All heavy atoms as atom14 arrays in JSON, in Angstrom:
{
  "sequence": "TDMLEDRVRVLERLATDRGATLADEIEALRDDRAGKGVR",
  "atom14_mask": [
    [1, 1, 1, 1, 1, 1, 1, 0, 0, 0, 0, 0, 0, 0],
    [1, 1, 1, 1, 1, 1, 1, 1, 0, 0, 0, 0, 0, 0],
    [1, 1, 1, 1, 1, 1, 1, 1, 0, 0, 0, 0, 0, 0],
    [1, 1, 1, 1, 1, 1, 1, 1, 0, 0, 0, 0, 0, 0],
    [1, 1, 1, 1, 1, 1, 1, 1, 1, 0, 0, 0, 0, 0],
    [1, 1, 1, 1, 1, 1, 1, 1, 0, 0, 0, 0, 0, 0],
    [1, 1, 1, 1, 1, 1, 1, 1, 1, 1, 1, 0, 0, 0],
    [1, 1, 1, 1, 1, 1, 1, 0, 0, 0, 0, 0, 0, 0],
    [1, 1, 1, 1, 1, 1, 1, 1, 1, 1, 1, 0, 0, 0],
    [1, 1, 1, 1, 1, 1, 1, 0, 0, 0, 0, 0, 0, 0],
    [1, 1, 1, 1, 1, 1, 1, 1, 0, 0, 0, 0, 0, 0],
    [1, 1, 1, 1, 1, 1, 1, 1, 1, 0, 0, 0, 0, 0],
    [1, 1, 1, 1, 1, 1, 1, 1, 1, 1, 1, 0, 0, 0],
    [1, 1, 1, 1, 1, 1, 1, 1, 0, 0, 0, 0, 0, 0],
    [1, 1, 1, 1, 1, 0, 0, 0, 0, 0, 0, 0, 0, 0],
    [1, 1, 1, 1, 1, 1, 1, 0, 0, 0, 0, 0, 0, 0],
    [1, 1, 1, 1, 1, 1, 1, 1, 0, 0, 0, 0, 0, 0],
    [1, 1, 1, 1, 1, 1, 1, 1, 1, 1, 1, 0, 0, 0],
    [1, 1, 1, 1, 0, 0, 0, 0, 0, 0, 0, 0, 0, 0],
    [1, 1, 1, 1, 1, 0, 0, 0, 0, 0, 0, 0, 0, 0],
    [1, 1, 1, 1, 1, 1, 1, 0, 0, 0, 0, 0, 0, 0],
    [1, 1, 1, 1, 1, 1, 1, 1, 0, 0, 0, 0, 0, 0],
    [1, 1, 1, 1, 1, 0, 0, 0, 0, 0, 0, 0, 0, 0],
    [1, 1, 1, 1, 1, 1, 1, 1, 0, 0, 0, 0, 0, 0],
    [1, 1, 1, 1, 1, 1, 1, 1, 1, 0, 0, 0, 0, 0],
    [1, 1, 1, 1, 1, 1, 1, 1, 0, 0, 0, 0, 0, 0],
    [1, 1, 1, 1, 1, 1, 1, 1, 1, 0, 0, 0, 0, 0],
    [1, 1, 1, 1, 1, 0, 0, 0, 0, 0, 0, 0, 0, 0],
    [1, 1, 1, 1, 1, 1, 1, 1, 0, 0, 0, 0, 0, 0],
    [1, 1, 1, 1, 1, 1, 1, 1, 1, 1, 1, 0, 0, 0],
    [1, 1, 1, 1, 1, 1, 1, 1, 0, 0, 0, 0, 0, 0],
    [1, 1, 1, 1, 1, 1, 1, 1, 0, 0, 0, 0, 0, 0],
    [1, 1, 1, 1, 1, 1, 1, 1, 1, 1, 1, 0, 0, 0],
    [1, 1, 1, 1, 1, 0, 0, 0, 0, 0, 0, 0, 0, 0],
    [1, 1, 1, 1, 0, 0, 0, 0, 0, 0, 0, 0, 0, 0],
    [1, 1, 1, 1, 1, 1, 1, 1, 1, 0, 0, 0, 0, 0],
    [1, 1, 1, 1, 0, 0, 0, 0, 0, 0, 0, 0, 0, 0],
    [1, 1, 1, 1, 1, 1, 1, 0, 0, 0, 0, 0, 0, 0],
    [1, 1, 1, 1, 1, 1, 1, 1, 1, 1, 1, 0, 0, 0]
  ],
  "atom14_positions": [
    [[0.83, -1.2, 0.0], [0.0, 0.0, 0.0], [0.87, 1.25, 0.0], [0.59, 2.2, -0.74], [-0.94, 0.0, 1.22], [-1.72, -1.19, 1.2], [-1.85, 1.2, 1.22], [0.0, 0.0, 0.0], [0.0, 0.0, 0.0], [0.0, 0.0, 0.0], [0.0, 0.0, 0.0], [0.0, 0.0, 0.0], [0.0, 0.0, 0.0], [0.0, 0.0, 0.0]],
    [[1.92, 1.26, 0.81], [2.82, 2.41, 0.85], [3.48, 2.63, -0.51], [3.61, 3.77, -0.97], [3.89, 2.22, 1.92], [3.32, 2.28, 3.33], [2.2, 2.82, 3.5], [4.0, 1.78, 4.25], [0.0, 0.0, 0.0], [0.0, 0.0, 0.0], [0.0, 0.0, 0.0], [0.0, 0.0, 0.0], [0.0, 0.0, 0.0], [0.0, 0.0, 0.0]],
    [[3.9, 1.55, -1.16], [4.54, 1.66, -2.46], [3.56, 2.24, -3.49], [3.92, 3.13, -4.27], [5.01, 0.28, -2.94], [5.72, 0.32, -4.28], [6.07, -1.3, -4.96], [4.41, -1.92, -5.24], [0.0, 0.0, 0.0], [0.0, 0.0, 0.0], [0.0, 0.0, 0.0], [0.0, 0.0, 0.0], [0.0, 0.0, 0.0], [0.0, 0.0, 0.0]],
    [[2.33, 1.78, -3.47], [1.33, 2.29, -4.41], [1.01, 3.76, -4.14], [0.82, 4.55, -5.07], [0.06, 1.44, -4.35], [0.2, 0.02, -4.91], [-1.06, -0.78, -4.64], [0.51, 0.06, -6.39], [0.0, 0.0, 0.0], [0.0, 0.0, 0.0], [0.0, 0.0, 0.0], [0.0, 0.0, 0.0], [0.0, 0.0, 0.0], [0.0, 0.0, 0.0]],
    [[0.95, 4.14, -2.87], [0.71, 5.55, -2.53], [1.84, 6.42, -3.03], [1.61, 7.53, -3.53], [0.53, 5.7, -1.03], [-0.8, 5.19, -0.51], [-0.92, 5.28, 1.0], [0.06, 5.68, 1.66], [-2.0, 4.96, 1.51], [0.0, 0.0, 0.0], [0.0, 0.0, 0.0], [0.0, 0.0, 0.0], [0.0, 0.0, 0.0], [0.0, 0.0, 0.0]],
    [[3.08, 5.96, -2.92], [4.22, 6.72, -3.42], [4.13, 6.9, -4.93], [4.39, 7.98, -5.47], [5.54, 6.03, -3.06], [5.84, 6.1, -1.57], [5.27, 6.99, -0.89], [6.64, 5.27, -1.1], [0.0, 0.0, 0.0], [0.0, 0.0, 0.0], [0.0, 0.0, 0.0], [0.0, 0.0, 0.0], [0.0, 0.0, 0.0], [0.0, 0.0, 0.0]],
    [[3.73, 5.85, -5.63], [3.59, 5.95, -7.08], [2.51, 6.95, -7.46], [2.67, 7.72, -8.4], [3.25, 4.58, -7.67], [4.41, 3.64, -7.7], [4.04, 2.35, -8.38], [5.18, 1.47, -8.5], [5.17, 0.33, -9.15], [4.06, -0.08, -9.75], [6.24, -0.43, -9.21], [0.0, 0.0, 0.0], [0.0, 0.0, 0.0], [0.0, 0.0, 0.0]],
    [[1.4, 6.93, -6.74], [0.32, 7.87, -7.04], [0.78, 9.3, -6.8], [0.47, 10.21, -7.58], [-0.94, 7.53, -6.2], [-1.96, 8.63, -6.29], [-1.54, 6.21, -6.66], [0.0, 0.0, 0.0], [0.0, 0.0, 0.0], [0.0, 0.0, 0.0], [0.0, 0.0, 0.0], [0.0, 0.0, 0.0], [0.0, 0.0, 0.0], [0.0, 0.0, 0.0]],
    [[1.56, 9.52, -5.73], [2.07, 10.87, -5.46], [2.96, 11.35, -6.6], [2.87, 12.5, -7.04], [2.86, 10.88, -4.15], [2.0, 10.93, -2.94], [2.84, 11.18, -1.66], [2.08, 10.74, -0.52], [2.28, 9.6, 0.14], [3.25, 8.8, -0.21], [1.53, 9.28, 1.17], [0.0, 0.0, 0.0], [0.0, 0.0, 0.0], [0.0, 0.0, 0.0]],
    [[3.82, 10.46, -7.11], [4.7, 10.83, -8.22], [3.88, 11.16, -9.46], [4.13, 12.17, -10.15], [5.71, 9.7, -8.51], [6.44, 9.93, -9.82], [6.69, 9.56, -7.37], [0.0, 0.0, 0.0], [0.0, 0.0, 0.0], [0.0, 0.0, 0.0], [0.0, 0.0, 0.0], [0.0, 0.0, 0.0], [0.0, 0.0, 0.0], [0.0, 0.0, 0.0]],
    [[2.89, 10.35, -9.75], [2.03, 10.61, -10.91], [1.27, 11.91, -10.77], [1.13, 12.67, -11.74], [1.07, 9.44, -11.13], [1.71, 8.14, -11.63], [0.68, 7.03, -11.62], [2.31, 8.33, -12.99], [0.0, 0.0, 0.0], [0.0, 0.0, 0.0], [0.0, 0.0, 0.0], [0.0, 0.0, 0.0], [0.0, 0.0, 0.0], [0.0, 0.0, 0.0]],
    [[0.78, 12.2, -9.58], [0.08, 13.47, -9.35], [1.01, 14.65, -9.57], [0.64, 15.65, -10.17], [-0.5, 13.51, -7.94], [-1.71, 12.63, -7.74], [-2.17, 12.61, -6.29], [-1.41, 13.03, -5.4], [-3.31, 12.15, -6.05], [0.0, 0.0, 0.0], [0.0, 0.0, 0.0], [0.0, 0.0, 0.0], [0.0, 0.0, 0.0], [0.0, 0.0, 0.0]],
    [[2.26, 14.52, -9.08], [3.21, 15.61, -9.24], [3.53, 15.82, -10.71], [3.59, 16.95, -11.2], [4.49, 15.31, -8.46], [5.42, 16.51, -8.38], [6.65, 16.24, -7.55], [7.53, 15.3, -8.25], [7.93, 14.13, -7.8], [7.56, 13.72, -6.6], [8.72, 13.36, -8.5], [0.0, 0.0, 0.0], [0.0, 0.0, 0.0], [0.0, 0.0, 0.0]],
    [[3.71, 14.73, -11.45], [3.98, 14.85, -12.88], [2.82, 15.51, -13.61], [3.01, 16.35, -14.49], [4.27, 13.48, -13.49], [5.62, 12.85, -13.13], [5.67, 11.43, -13.68], [6.76, 13.67, -13.67], [0.0, 0.0, 0.0], [0.0, 0.0, 0.0], [0.0, 0.0, 0.0], [0.0, 0.0, 0.0], [0.0, 0.0, 0.0], [0.0, 0.0, 0.0]],
    [[1.63, 15.12, -13.25], [0.45, 15.66, -13.93], [0.26, 17.14, -13.62], [-0.09, 17.92, -14.5], [-0.8, 14.88, -13.52], [0.0, 0.0, 0.0], [0.0, 0.0, 0.0], [0.0, 0.0, 0.0], [0.0, 0.0, 0.0], [0.0, 0.0, 0.0], [0.0, 0.0, 0.0], [0.0, 0.0, 0.0], [0.0, 0.0, 0.0], [0.0, 0.0, 0.0]],
    [[0.52, 17.54, -12.4], [0.29, 18.94, -12.04], [1.46, 19.82, -12.43], [1.27, 20.97, -12.84], [0.03, 19.08, -10.54], [1.12, 18.52, -9.81], [-1.26, 18.42, -10.15], [0.0, 0.0, 0.0], [0.0, 0.0, 0.0], [0.0, 0.0, 0.0], [0.0, 0.0, 0.0], [0.0, 0.0, 0.0], [0.0, 0.0, 0.0], [0.0, 0.0, 0.0]],
    [[2.7, 19.34, -12.36], [3.85, 20.16, -12.7], [3.92, 20.43, -14.2], [4.29, 21.51, -14.63], [5.16, 19.49, -12.24], [5.31, 19.52, -10.73], [4.52, 20.24, -10.08], [6.2, 18.83, -10.21], [0.0, 0.0, 0.0], [0.0, 0.0, 0.0], [0.0, 0.0, 0.0], [0.0, 0.0, 0.0], [0.0, 0.0, 0.0], [0.0, 0.0, 0.0]],
    [[3.58, 19.45, -14.99], [3.66, 19.61, -16.44], [2.37, 20.18, -17.01], [2.25, 20.31, -18.22], [3.96, 18.28, -17.1], [5.38, 17.84, -16.89], [5.89, 16.87, -17.92], [5.28, 16.88, -19.23], [5.83, 17.45, -20.3], [6.93, 18.13, -20.2], [5.24, 17.36, -21.47], [0.0, 0.0, 0.0], [0.0, 0.0, 0.0], [0.0, 0.0, 0.0]],
    [[1.42, 20.55, -16.16], [0.14, 21.01, -16.66], [0.26, 22.24, -17.54], [-0.3, 22.3, -18.63], [0.0, 0.0, 0.0], [0.0, 0.0, 0.0], [0.0, 0.0, 0.0], [0.0, 0.0, 0.0], [0.0, 0.0, 0.0], [0.0, 0.0, 0.0], [0.0, 0.0, 0.0], [0.0, 0.0, 0.0], [0.0, 0.0, 0.0], [0.0, 0.0, 0.0]],
    [[0.99, 23.24, -17.08], [1.12, 24.48, -17.85], [1.93, 24.23, -19.12], [1.57, 24.71, -20.2], [1.77, 25.55, -17.0], [0.0, 0.0, 0.0], [0.0, 0.0, 0.0], [0.0, 0.0, 0.0], [0.0, 0.0, 0.0], [0.0, 0.0, 0.0], [0.0, 0.0, 0.0], [0.0, 0.0, 0.0], [0.0, 0.0, 0.0], [0.0, 0.0, 0.0]],
    [[3.01, 23.49, -19.02], [3.84, 23.19, -20.18], [3.07, 22.37, -21.19], [3.14, 22.63, -22.4], [5.1, 22.44, -19.74], [5.74, 23.16, -18.69], [6.05, 22.25, -20.89], [0.0, 0.0, 0.0], [0.0, 0.0, 0.0], [0.0, 0.0, 0.0], [0.0, 0.0, 0.0], [0.0, 0.0, 0.0], [0.0, 0.0, 0.0], [0.0, 0.0, 0.0]],
    [[2.33, 21.42, -20.73], [1.55, 20.58, -21.62], [0.48, 21.4, -22.33], [0.26, 21.25, -23.53], [0.91, 19.44, -20.83], [0.14, 18.39, -21.62], [1.06, 17.7, -22.62], [-0.47, 17.36, -20.69], [0.0, 0.0, 0.0], [0.0, 0.0, 0.0], [0.0, 0.0, 0.0], [0.0, 0.0, 0.0], [0.0, 0.0, 0.0], [0.0, 0.0, 0.0]],
    [[-0.16, 22.31, -21.62], [-1.17, 23.16, -22.24], [-0.53, 24.04, -23.31], [-1.11, 24.23, -24.39], [-1.85, 24.01, -21.18], [0.0, 0.0, 0.0], [0.0, 0.0, 0.0], [0.0, 0.0, 0.0], [0.0, 0.0, 0.0], [0.0, 0.0, 0.0], [0.0, 0.0, 0.0], [0.0, 0.0, 0.0], [0.0, 0.0, 0.0], [0.0, 0.0, 0.0]],
    [[0.67, 24.56, -23.05], [1.36, 25.38, -24.04], [1.7, 24.55, -25.28], [1.57, 25.04, -26.41], [2.64, 25.97, -23.45], [2.34, 26.99, -22.35], [1.21, 27.51, -22.32], [3.25, 27.25, -21.53], [0.0, 0.0, 0.0], [0.0, 0.0, 0.0], [0.0, 0.0, 0.0], [0.0, 0.0, 0.0], [0.0, 0.0, 0.0], [0.0, 0.0, 0.0]],
    [[2.16, 23.31, -25.07], [2.49, 22.45, -26.2], [1.26, 22.13, -27.04], [1.31, 22.1, -28.27], [3.13, 21.16, -25.71], [4.52, 21.34, -25.13], [5.08, 20.06, -24.54], [4.45, 19.0, -24.7], [6.15, 20.14, -23.92], [0.0, 0.0, 0.0], [0.0, 0.0, 0.0], [0.0, 0.0, 0.0], [0.0, 0.0, 0.0], [0.0, 0.0, 0.0]],
    [[0.13, 21.91, -26.39], [-1.12, 21.62, -27.11], [-1.53, 22.83, -27.94], [-1.92, 22.71, -29.1], [-2.23, 21.2, -26.13], [-1.92, 19.82, -25.54], [-3.59, 21.19, -26.82], [-2.83, 19.4, -24.43], [0.0, 0.0, 0.0], [0.0, 0.0, 0.0], [0.0, 0.0, 0.0], [0.0, 0.0, 0.0], [0.0, 0.0, 0.0], [0.0, 0.0, 0.0]],
    [[-1.43, 24.01, -27.35], [-1.79, 25.23, -28.09], [-0.86, 25.44, -29.28], [-1.29, 25.84, -30.36], [-1.74, 26.45, -27.16], [-2.88, 26.51, -26.17], [-4.25, 26.52, -26.85], [-4.43, 27.22, -27.87], [-5.14, 25.82, -26.34], [0.0, 0.0, 0.0], [0.0, 0.0, 0.0], [0.0, 0.0, 0.0], [0.0, 0.0, 0.0], [0.0, 0.0, 0.0]],
    [[0.44, 25.14, -29.1], [1.38, 25.28, -30.21], [1.03, 24.32, -31.34], [1.09, 24.67, -32.52], [2.8, 25.03, -29.72], [0.0, 0.0, 0.0], [0.0, 0.0, 0.0], [0.0, 0.0, 0.0], [0.0, 0.0, 0.0], [0.0, 0.0, 0.0], [0.0, 0.0, 0.0], [0.0, 0.0, 0.0], [0.0, 0.0, 0.0], [0.0, 0.0, 0.0]],
    [[0.64, 23.09, -30.98], [0.23, 22.14, -32.0], [-1.04, 22.6, -32.71], [-1.17, 22.44, -33.93], [0.02, 20.75, -31.38], [1.27, 20.0, -30.95], [0.88, 18.74, -30.19], [2.12, 19.66, -32.15], [0.0, 0.0, 0.0], [0.0, 0.0, 0.0], [0.0, 0.0, 0.0], [0.0, 0.0, 0.0], [0.0, 0.0, 0.0], [0.0, 0.0, 0.0]],
    [[-1.95, 23.18, -31.96], [-3.18, 23.69, -32.59], [-2.85, 24.83, -33.55], [-3.4, 24.9, -34.65], [-4.16, 24.17, -31.52], [-4.85, 23.06, -30.8], [-5.86, 23.6, -29.82], [-6.46, 22.52, -29.06], [-7.04, 22.66, -27.89], [-7.12, 23.85, -27.33], [-7.57, 21.63, -27.27], [0.0, 0.0, 0.0], [0.0, 0.0, 0.0], [0.0, 0.0, 0.0]],
    [[-1.98, 25.73, -33.12], [-1.6, 26.85, -33.99], [-0.92, 26.33, -35.25], [-1.18, 26.8, -36.36], [-0.68, 27.82, -33.25], [-1.39, 28.53, -32.1], [-2.65, 28.56, -32.12], [-0.71, 29.04, -31.2], [0.0, 0.0, 0.0], [0.0, 0.0, 0.0], [0.0, 0.0, 0.0], [0.0, 0.0, 0.0], [0.0, 0.0, 0.0], [0.0, 0.0, 0.0]],
    [[-0.01, 25.36, -35.08], [0.7, 24.79, -36.22], [-0.27, 24.1, -37.17], [-0.19, 24.25, -38.38], [1.76, 23.81, -35.71], [2.65, 23.32, -36.83], [3.01, 24.16, -37.69], [2.96, 22.12, -36.85], [0.0, 0.0, 0.0], [0.0, 0.0, 0.0], [0.0, 0.0, 0.0], [0.0, 0.0, 0.0], [0.0, 0.0, 0.0], [0.0, 0.0, 0.0]],
    [[-1.22, 23.36, -36.61], [-2.2, 22.66, -37.43], [-3.1, 23.65, -38.16], [-3.42, 23.48, -39.33], [-3.05, 21.73, -36.56], [-3.95, 20.82, -37.38], [-4.75, 19.88, -36.54], [-3.85, 18.99, -35.82], [-4.25, 18.24, -34.8], [-5.49, 18.28, -34.39], [-3.4, 17.44, -34.2], [0.0, 0.0, 0.0], [0.0, 0.0, 0.0], [0.0, 0.0, 0.0]],
    [[-3.47, 24.73, -37.47], [-4.32, 25.75, -38.11], [-3.55, 26.42, -39.24], [-4.11, 26.69, -40.31], [-4.77, 26.77, -37.08], [0.0, 0.0, 0.0], [0.0, 0.0, 0.0], [0.0, 0.0, 0.0], [0.0, 0.0, 0.0], [0.0, 0.0, 0.0], [0.0, 0.0, 0.0], [0.0, 0.0, 0.0], [0.0, 0.0, 0.0], [0.0, 0.0, 0.0]],
    [[-2.28, 26.7, -39.05], [-1.47, 27.31, -40.1], [-1.34, 26.4, -41.3], [-1.41, 26.85, -42.45], [0.0, 0.0, 0.0], [0.0, 0.0, 0.0], [0.0, 0.0, 0.0], [0.0, 0.0, 0.0], [0.0, 0.0, 0.0], [0.0, 0.0, 0.0], [0.0, 0.0, 0.0], [0.0, 0.0, 0.0], [0.0, 0.0, 0.0], [0.0, 0.0, 0.0]],
    [[-1.15, 25.11, -41.07], [-1.06, 24.16, -42.18], [-2.39, 24.08, -42.91], [-2.44, 23.95, -44.13], [-0.66, 22.78, -41.67], [0.79, 22.68, -41.28], [1.13, 21.28, -40.82], [2.57, 21.18, -40.38], [2.88, 19.84, -39.87], [0.0, 0.0, 0.0], [0.0, 0.0, 0.0], [0.0, 0.0, 0.0], [0.0, 0.0, 0.0], [0.0, 0.0, 0.0]],
    [[-3.47, 24.16, -42.16], [-4.8, 24.09, -42.79], [-5.03, 25.26, -43.71], [-5.59, 25.12, -44.8], [0.0, 0.0, 0.0], [0.0, 0.0, 0.0], [0.0, 0.0, 0.0], [0.0, 0.0, 0.0], [0.0, 0.0, 0.0], [0.0, 0.0, 0.0], [0.0, 0.0, 0.0], [0.0, 0.0, 0.0], [0.0, 0.0, 0.0], [0.0, 0.0, 0.0]],
    [[-4.55, 26.44, -43.32], [-4.71, 27.62, -44.17], [-3.87, 27.47, -45.43], [-4.32, 27.75, -46.53], [-4.3, 28.9, -43.38], [-4.2, 30.1, -44.3], [-5.28, 29.14, -42.26], [0.0, 0.0, 0.0], [0.0, 0.0, 0.0], [0.0, 0.0, 0.0], [0.0, 0.0, 0.0], [0.0, 0.0, 0.0], [0.0, 0.0, 0.0], [0.0, 0.0, 0.0]],
    [[-2.62, 26.97, -45.26], [-1.75, 26.79, -46.41], [-2.33, 25.75, -47.38], [-2.29, 25.93, -48.6], [-0.36, 26.36, -45.96], [0.47, 27.54, -45.47], [1.88, 27.13, -45.13], [1.94, 27.16, -43.66], [2.54, 26.28, -42.91], [3.16, 25.25, -43.44], [2.55, 26.39, -41.6], [0.0, 0.0, 0.0], [0.0, 0.0, 0.0], [0.0, 0.0, 0.0]]
  ]
}
């Protein structure tokens, strides 16, 4: 149980720490896709 709780904590930290960066990457992909669509 302790091992599983530690894993969940690590996953939560990864999900919350990369949240802003991940959102920026998604927006960049959307912008890139929109630009390609126009071209």
